[in-house]
Protein backbone atom coordinates (compact mmCIF):
# COMPACT_ATOMS: atom_id res chain seq x y z
CA MET A 1 18.81 -47.02 -54.46
CA VAL A 2 16.47 -49.06 -52.30
CA PHE A 3 16.98 -49.45 -48.52
CA ARG A 4 15.69 -52.52 -46.87
CA HIS A 5 14.29 -52.86 -43.38
CA GLN A 6 13.66 -56.28 -41.96
CA VAL A 7 10.21 -56.57 -40.41
CA PRO A 8 9.15 -59.56 -38.32
CA SER A 9 6.24 -61.34 -39.87
CA ALA A 10 3.54 -62.98 -37.85
CA SER A 11 3.14 -65.72 -40.49
CA ASN A 12 6.38 -66.89 -42.04
CA GLY A 13 9.42 -65.18 -40.59
CA ASN A 14 10.99 -62.07 -42.04
CA SER A 15 9.62 -59.91 -44.79
CA SER A 16 11.16 -56.75 -46.10
CA ILE A 17 9.99 -53.51 -47.56
CA GLY A 18 11.97 -50.86 -49.35
CA LEU A 19 12.21 -47.31 -48.00
CA GLY A 20 12.28 -44.66 -50.69
CA PHE A 21 13.54 -41.09 -50.70
CA LEU A 22 12.31 -38.10 -48.68
CA ASP A 23 10.46 -35.69 -50.90
CA ASN A 24 10.81 -31.90 -50.51
CA LEU A 25 7.75 -31.73 -48.23
CA GLY A 26 9.27 -34.06 -45.67
CA SER A 27 7.05 -37.07 -46.43
CA VAL A 28 8.38 -40.56 -47.06
CA SER A 29 7.57 -42.64 -50.10
CA LEU A 30 7.38 -46.39 -49.54
CA ARG A 31 7.36 -49.19 -52.06
CA PRO A 32 7.58 -52.90 -51.46
CA ALA A 33 10.85 -54.68 -52.18
CA ARG A 34 10.94 -56.54 -55.44
CA ASP A 35 11.19 -59.84 -53.66
CA GLY A 36 8.06 -58.99 -51.58
CA GLY A 37 6.99 -61.70 -49.22
CA ASN A 38 3.88 -63.16 -47.74
CA GLY A 39 2.45 -61.30 -44.76
CA ALA A 40 3.99 -57.89 -45.67
CA PRO A 41 1.78 -54.97 -44.57
CA LYS A 42 0.03 -52.85 -47.11
CA ILE A 43 1.83 -49.63 -47.87
CA SER A 44 -1.41 -47.57 -47.54
CA ASP A 45 -1.72 -48.76 -43.95
CA ILE A 46 1.77 -47.70 -42.95
CA TYR A 47 2.36 -43.99 -43.63
CA GLN A 48 0.35 -41.41 -45.48
CA GLY A 49 2.21 -38.12 -44.99
CA PRO A 50 4.04 -35.78 -42.57
CA GLU A 51 1.09 -35.44 -40.13
CA GLN A 52 0.77 -39.17 -39.35
CA ARG A 53 2.87 -41.61 -37.36
CA TRP A 54 4.35 -44.86 -38.53
CA ARG A 55 1.94 -47.67 -38.09
CA ARG A 56 2.63 -50.12 -35.28
CA GLU A 57 2.61 -53.05 -37.71
CA ILE A 58 6.21 -52.39 -38.85
CA GLY A 59 7.58 -51.62 -35.37
CA VAL A 60 9.31 -48.36 -36.46
CA HIS A 61 8.52 -45.02 -34.75
CA ARG A 62 8.99 -41.76 -36.55
CA PRO A 63 7.60 -38.58 -34.94
CA PRO A 64 5.61 -36.25 -37.20
CA GLN A 65 7.64 -33.52 -38.78
CA PRO A 66 6.61 -29.97 -37.71
CA ARG A 67 5.39 -27.63 -40.34
CA ASN A 68 7.40 -24.56 -41.10
CA LEU A 69 6.14 -21.69 -38.89
CA SER A 70 5.18 -18.46 -40.56
CA MET A 71 6.94 -15.24 -39.60
CA ARG A 72 3.71 -13.95 -37.99
CA THR A 73 3.43 -17.03 -35.78
CA LYS A 74 7.07 -16.71 -34.70
CA LEU A 75 6.56 -13.06 -33.77
CA ARG A 76 3.47 -13.90 -31.73
CA MET A 77 5.34 -16.60 -29.85
CA ALA A 78 8.26 -14.26 -29.16
CA SER A 79 5.91 -11.54 -27.87
CA LEU A 80 4.18 -14.01 -25.58
CA SER A 81 7.52 -15.18 -24.17
CA ILE A 82 8.62 -11.61 -23.47
CA ALA A 83 5.31 -10.75 -21.79
CA THR A 84 5.57 -13.83 -19.58
CA ALA A 85 9.11 -12.94 -18.55
CA MET A 86 8.15 -9.36 -17.73
CA THR A 87 5.24 -10.55 -15.58
CA ALA A 88 7.64 -12.63 -13.53
CA VAL A 89 10.15 -9.81 -13.05
CA LEU A 90 8.11 -6.63 -12.64
CA PRO A 91 6.06 -5.91 -9.48
CA ALA A 92 2.31 -5.44 -9.73
CA LEU A 93 1.30 -2.01 -11.00
CA SER A 94 -0.89 -1.44 -7.94
CA ALA A 95 2.05 -1.68 -5.56
CA GLU A 96 3.68 1.47 -4.16
CA THR A 97 7.23 2.28 -5.22
CA ALA A 98 9.79 2.28 -2.42
CA GLN A 99 9.92 6.08 -2.25
CA ASP A 100 6.13 6.42 -2.30
CA PHE A 101 5.83 3.93 0.53
CA VAL A 102 8.46 5.69 2.64
CA THR A 103 6.82 9.08 2.12
CA LYS A 104 3.30 7.91 2.97
CA ALA A 105 4.35 5.67 5.86
CA ALA A 106 6.49 8.43 7.41
CA ILE A 107 3.71 11.03 7.14
CA GLY A 108 1.20 8.56 8.59
CA GLY A 109 3.52 7.75 11.48
CA MET A 110 4.23 11.40 12.25
CA PHE A 111 0.52 12.15 12.18
CA GLU A 112 -0.17 9.41 14.74
CA VAL A 113 2.41 10.87 17.12
CA GLN A 114 1.54 14.55 16.66
CA SER A 115 -2.25 14.10 16.73
CA SER A 116 -2.01 11.93 19.85
CA LYS A 117 0.19 14.46 21.63
CA GLY A 118 -2.17 17.28 20.67
CA ALA A 119 -5.28 15.43 21.82
CA GLN A 120 -3.99 13.68 24.93
CA SER A 121 -4.69 16.48 27.41
CA LYS A 122 -8.18 17.01 25.96
CA LEU A 123 -9.39 13.43 26.16
CA GLN A 124 -11.91 12.39 28.81
CA ASP A 125 -12.05 8.62 28.31
CA PRO A 126 -9.15 7.00 30.24
CA THR A 127 -9.02 4.15 27.72
CA LEU A 128 -8.64 6.60 24.85
CA LYS A 129 -5.96 8.47 26.78
CA ASP A 130 -4.04 5.21 27.17
CA PHE A 131 -4.53 4.56 23.47
CA ALA A 132 -3.08 7.99 22.63
CA GLN A 133 -0.01 7.24 24.74
CA LYS A 134 0.42 3.91 22.98
CA MET A 135 0.26 5.66 19.61
CA ILE A 136 3.04 7.99 20.70
CA SER A 137 5.22 5.09 21.84
CA ASP A 138 4.52 2.54 19.08
CA HIS A 139 4.55 4.93 16.14
CA GLY A 140 7.55 6.79 17.52
CA ALA A 141 9.51 3.52 17.48
CA ALA A 142 8.21 2.56 14.02
CA ASN A 143 9.10 5.99 12.64
CA ALA A 144 12.67 5.66 13.90
CA LYS A 145 13.02 2.21 12.32
CA LEU A 146 11.59 3.41 9.01
CA GLU A 147 13.97 6.36 8.95
CA SER A 148 16.92 4.02 9.53
CA ILE A 149 15.91 1.67 6.70
CA ALA A 150 15.21 4.57 4.34
CA GLY A 151 18.68 5.94 5.02
CA GLU A 152 20.28 2.60 4.19
CA GLN A 153 18.26 2.43 0.96
CA LYS A 154 19.12 6.03 -0.03
CA LEU A 155 15.48 7.12 0.15
CA GLN A 156 14.14 10.47 1.36
CA VAL A 157 12.07 10.78 4.53
CA PRO A 158 9.75 13.84 4.71
CA ALA A 159 10.55 16.24 7.53
CA ASP A 160 6.97 17.38 8.14
CA LEU A 161 3.33 16.52 7.56
CA ASP A 162 1.52 17.21 4.32
CA ALA A 163 -1.20 19.87 4.27
CA ALA A 164 -4.14 17.49 4.89
CA HIS A 165 -2.62 15.83 7.96
CA LYS A 166 -1.34 19.14 9.32
CA SER A 167 -4.87 20.54 9.09
CA ASP A 168 -6.21 17.63 11.17
CA VAL A 169 -3.56 18.16 13.84
CA ASP A 170 -4.34 21.88 13.97
CA LYS A 171 -8.02 21.05 14.31
CA LEU A 172 -7.36 18.92 17.37
CA GLN A 173 -5.08 21.48 18.95
CA SER A 174 -7.52 24.37 18.50
CA ALA A 175 -10.67 22.42 19.41
CA ALA A 176 -12.44 22.64 22.73
CA ALA A 177 -12.23 19.67 25.07
CA PRO A 178 -13.29 16.96 24.99
CA VAL A 179 -11.96 15.87 21.60
CA ASP A 180 -12.56 12.16 22.14
CA ALA A 181 -14.96 11.64 19.23
CA THR A 182 -12.91 13.73 16.79
CA TYR A 183 -9.65 12.04 17.76
CA ALA A 184 -11.16 8.55 17.62
CA ASP A 185 -12.62 9.18 14.14
CA MET A 186 -9.27 10.43 12.88
CA GLN A 187 -7.52 7.38 14.27
CA LYS A 188 -10.03 4.98 12.70
CA THR A 189 -9.50 6.55 9.28
CA ALA A 190 -5.72 6.76 9.66
CA HIS A 191 -5.36 3.12 10.69
CA ALA A 192 -7.68 1.84 7.96
CA ASP A 193 -5.47 3.62 5.41
CA ALA A 194 -2.26 2.40 7.06
CA VAL A 195 -3.34 -1.25 7.24
CA SER A 196 -4.37 -1.22 3.58
CA MET A 197 -1.10 0.37 2.45
CA PHE A 198 1.15 -1.88 4.56
CA GLU A 199 -0.70 -5.01 3.40
CA SER A 200 -0.29 -3.98 -0.22
CA TYR A 201 3.42 -3.21 0.09
CA ALA A 202 4.19 -6.32 2.16
CA ARG A 203 2.66 -8.35 -0.68
CA ASP A 204 3.74 -6.47 -3.83
CA GLY A 205 6.47 -4.03 -2.77
CA ASP A 206 9.61 -3.46 -4.84
CA ASN A 207 12.16 -3.25 -1.99
CA SER A 208 12.92 -6.30 0.15
CA ALA A 209 14.00 -4.35 3.26
CA LEU A 210 10.85 -2.22 3.21
CA LYS A 211 8.67 -5.27 2.50
CA SER A 212 10.06 -6.87 5.66
CA PHE A 213 9.39 -3.67 7.61
CA ALA A 214 5.81 -3.58 6.32
CA SER A 215 5.23 -7.23 7.23
CA GLU A 216 6.68 -6.79 10.73
CA THR A 217 4.73 -3.58 11.43
CA LEU A 218 1.39 -4.77 10.06
CA PRO A 219 0.30 -6.81 13.14
CA THR A 220 0.80 -3.75 15.37
CA LEU A 221 -1.27 -1.58 13.03
CA LYS A 222 -4.07 -4.14 13.01
CA MET A 223 -3.98 -4.25 16.81
CA HIS A 224 -4.29 -0.43 16.92
CA GLN A 225 -7.18 -0.59 14.46
CA GLU A 226 -9.02 -3.07 16.65
CA MET A 227 -8.36 -1.03 19.81
CA VAL A 228 -9.62 2.27 18.43
CA GLY A 229 -12.69 0.55 17.00
CA LYS A 230 -13.68 -0.59 20.47
CA VAL A 231 -13.24 2.77 22.20
CA ALA A 232 -14.61 4.98 19.41
CA ALA A 233 -18.24 4.12 20.13
CA ALA A 234 -17.88 5.20 23.76
CA ALA A 235 -16.04 8.45 23.00
CA PRO A 236 -17.93 11.51 24.32
CA ALA A 237 -19.06 14.11 21.83
CA PRO A 238 -17.51 17.59 21.88
CA ASP A 239 -18.85 19.90 24.59
CA SER A 240 -20.90 22.54 22.80
CA SER A 241 -20.80 24.81 25.88
CA ALA A 242 -17.09 25.42 25.38
CA PRO A 243 -16.71 26.74 21.83
CA ALA A 244 -13.47 26.15 19.97
CA ALA A 245 -11.23 29.02 19.02
CA SER A 246 -11.74 28.12 15.37
CA ASP A 247 -15.29 29.53 15.67
CA ALA A 248 -14.56 33.17 14.88
CA ALA A 249 -17.87 34.42 16.26
CA ALA A 250 -17.55 32.83 19.70
CA THR A 251 -15.64 33.83 22.82
CA ASN A 252 -16.41 32.83 26.35
CA SER A 253 -17.57 35.57 28.69
CA VAL A 254 -16.39 33.53 31.66
CA ALA A 255 -12.84 33.21 32.93
CA PRO A 256 -10.40 31.05 30.94
CA VAL A 257 -10.08 27.46 32.16
CA PRO A 258 -6.77 26.51 33.81
CA GLY A 259 -5.01 23.39 32.55
CA ALA A 260 -2.00 22.00 30.71
CA ASN A 261 -1.89 23.97 27.47
CA SER A 262 -0.42 22.28 24.39
CA PHE A 263 -0.77 25.37 22.15
CA THR A 264 2.43 27.02 21.00
CA GLU A 265 2.55 30.83 21.02
CA ASP A 266 2.07 30.96 17.24
CA GLN A 267 -0.90 28.62 17.44
CA ALA A 268 -2.42 30.68 20.23
CA LYS A 269 -2.02 33.88 18.18
CA ASN A 270 -3.61 32.20 15.19
CA ALA A 271 -6.58 31.05 17.29
CA ILE A 272 -7.09 34.56 18.68
CA GLU A 273 -7.00 36.05 15.18
CA LYS A 274 -9.55 33.49 14.00
CA ALA A 275 -11.82 34.70 16.82
CA GLY A 276 -11.94 38.12 15.13
CA TYR A 277 -9.03 39.93 16.80
CA SER A 278 -6.14 41.78 15.20
CA ASP A 279 -2.86 43.36 16.31
CA VAL A 280 -2.21 40.44 18.67
CA SER A 281 0.76 41.20 20.90
CA ALA A 282 3.43 38.82 22.08
CA LEU A 283 1.84 36.23 24.35
CA THR A 284 3.01 34.81 27.65
CA LYS A 285 1.79 31.56 29.18
CA ASP A 286 1.14 31.91 32.91
CA ASP A 287 1.45 29.26 35.62
CA LYS A 288 -2.15 28.13 34.97
CA GLY A 289 -1.44 27.26 31.35
CA ILE A 290 -3.22 30.34 29.93
CA TRP A 291 -1.75 32.37 27.09
CA ARG A 292 -2.15 36.10 27.79
CA GLY A 293 -1.51 39.30 25.87
CA THR A 294 -3.42 42.12 24.16
CA ALA A 295 -5.39 42.35 20.93
CA SER A 296 -7.73 44.73 19.13
CA LYS A 297 -11.33 44.29 18.03
CA ASP A 298 -13.61 46.95 16.57
CA GLY A 299 -10.75 49.44 16.96
CA LYS A 300 -10.41 48.81 20.68
CA ALA A 301 -7.42 47.16 22.35
CA ALA A 302 -8.06 44.86 25.28
CA PRO A 303 -6.38 42.13 27.32
CA ILE A 304 -6.86 38.73 25.72
CA ALA A 305 -6.46 35.18 26.98
CA LEU A 306 -6.56 31.70 25.45
CA ASP A 307 -6.91 28.56 27.58
CA PHE A 308 -6.03 24.93 26.85
CA GLN A 309 -9.54 24.30 25.52
CA GLY A 310 -9.09 26.95 22.85
CA ASN A 311 -11.44 29.45 24.46
CA VAL A 312 -10.63 33.09 23.67
CA VAL A 313 -11.58 35.41 26.54
CA ALA A 314 -11.30 39.19 26.37
CA GLY A 315 -10.85 41.50 29.34
CA LYS A 316 -9.08 41.13 32.67
CA ASN A 317 -9.77 37.60 33.83
């Protein structure tokens, strides 16, 4: 059977061509109608196979037929689609998980408060003292907010510092005054780490409530970082004439220095033992802020005292 399609002719009206059957490859065979006609286009100029379009001369548009895709090509396309979807759904691998962020942020916040409390009475620079007080206030508030959000999200908040941060706090508490340089260096490092972590989680975090907390807290952390950078250069170096209790070979031969003492009894005992004493008795803090008791060294018991600077002084002073 031959189908006819009327084609306008530029010369003498209508001409017609016959459309044949589709072969099994999807191409179309064309042959001119028996009655032909002047001005009919040549068949070779119209359509050659499945990869070509109909020629404009006959005014009929037929899009090219796609080739059958191989199984390998289909699998590749499916894999690419899945990978694209996963990229859109999953957070970046570099981002902290919600629990990791809570743990690290809570420890960092506790460290800011505890280190600032431990150093405050041993700081000489008034600006650094004010900074320490601001750390206690700002990070105390941030810690409370983080704990509240973590509770709502069913996440665990650590109750205490990790070993590394606890060691730094102990170092400040047992060091001789002034501790300005040591404290400032610790704060510079701590805030550089905090700013980096909060920026990362605010951008790529996996929990919307914690991402908001990170974004809201970040400006305060950056302000702290800028503040401590300015005062760190002016911070006085430790006073070598007042050795810290962590130096086991050193004790002052002079009287202990009166002052507000932030050492607990256990910390004071530990400092005395590090100075080479044993059998440390129960200690009592007097009205001058000096921990007093007895301890033994070289088999001899003697009165012992520890002042707020961490100086261990033997004998009746």
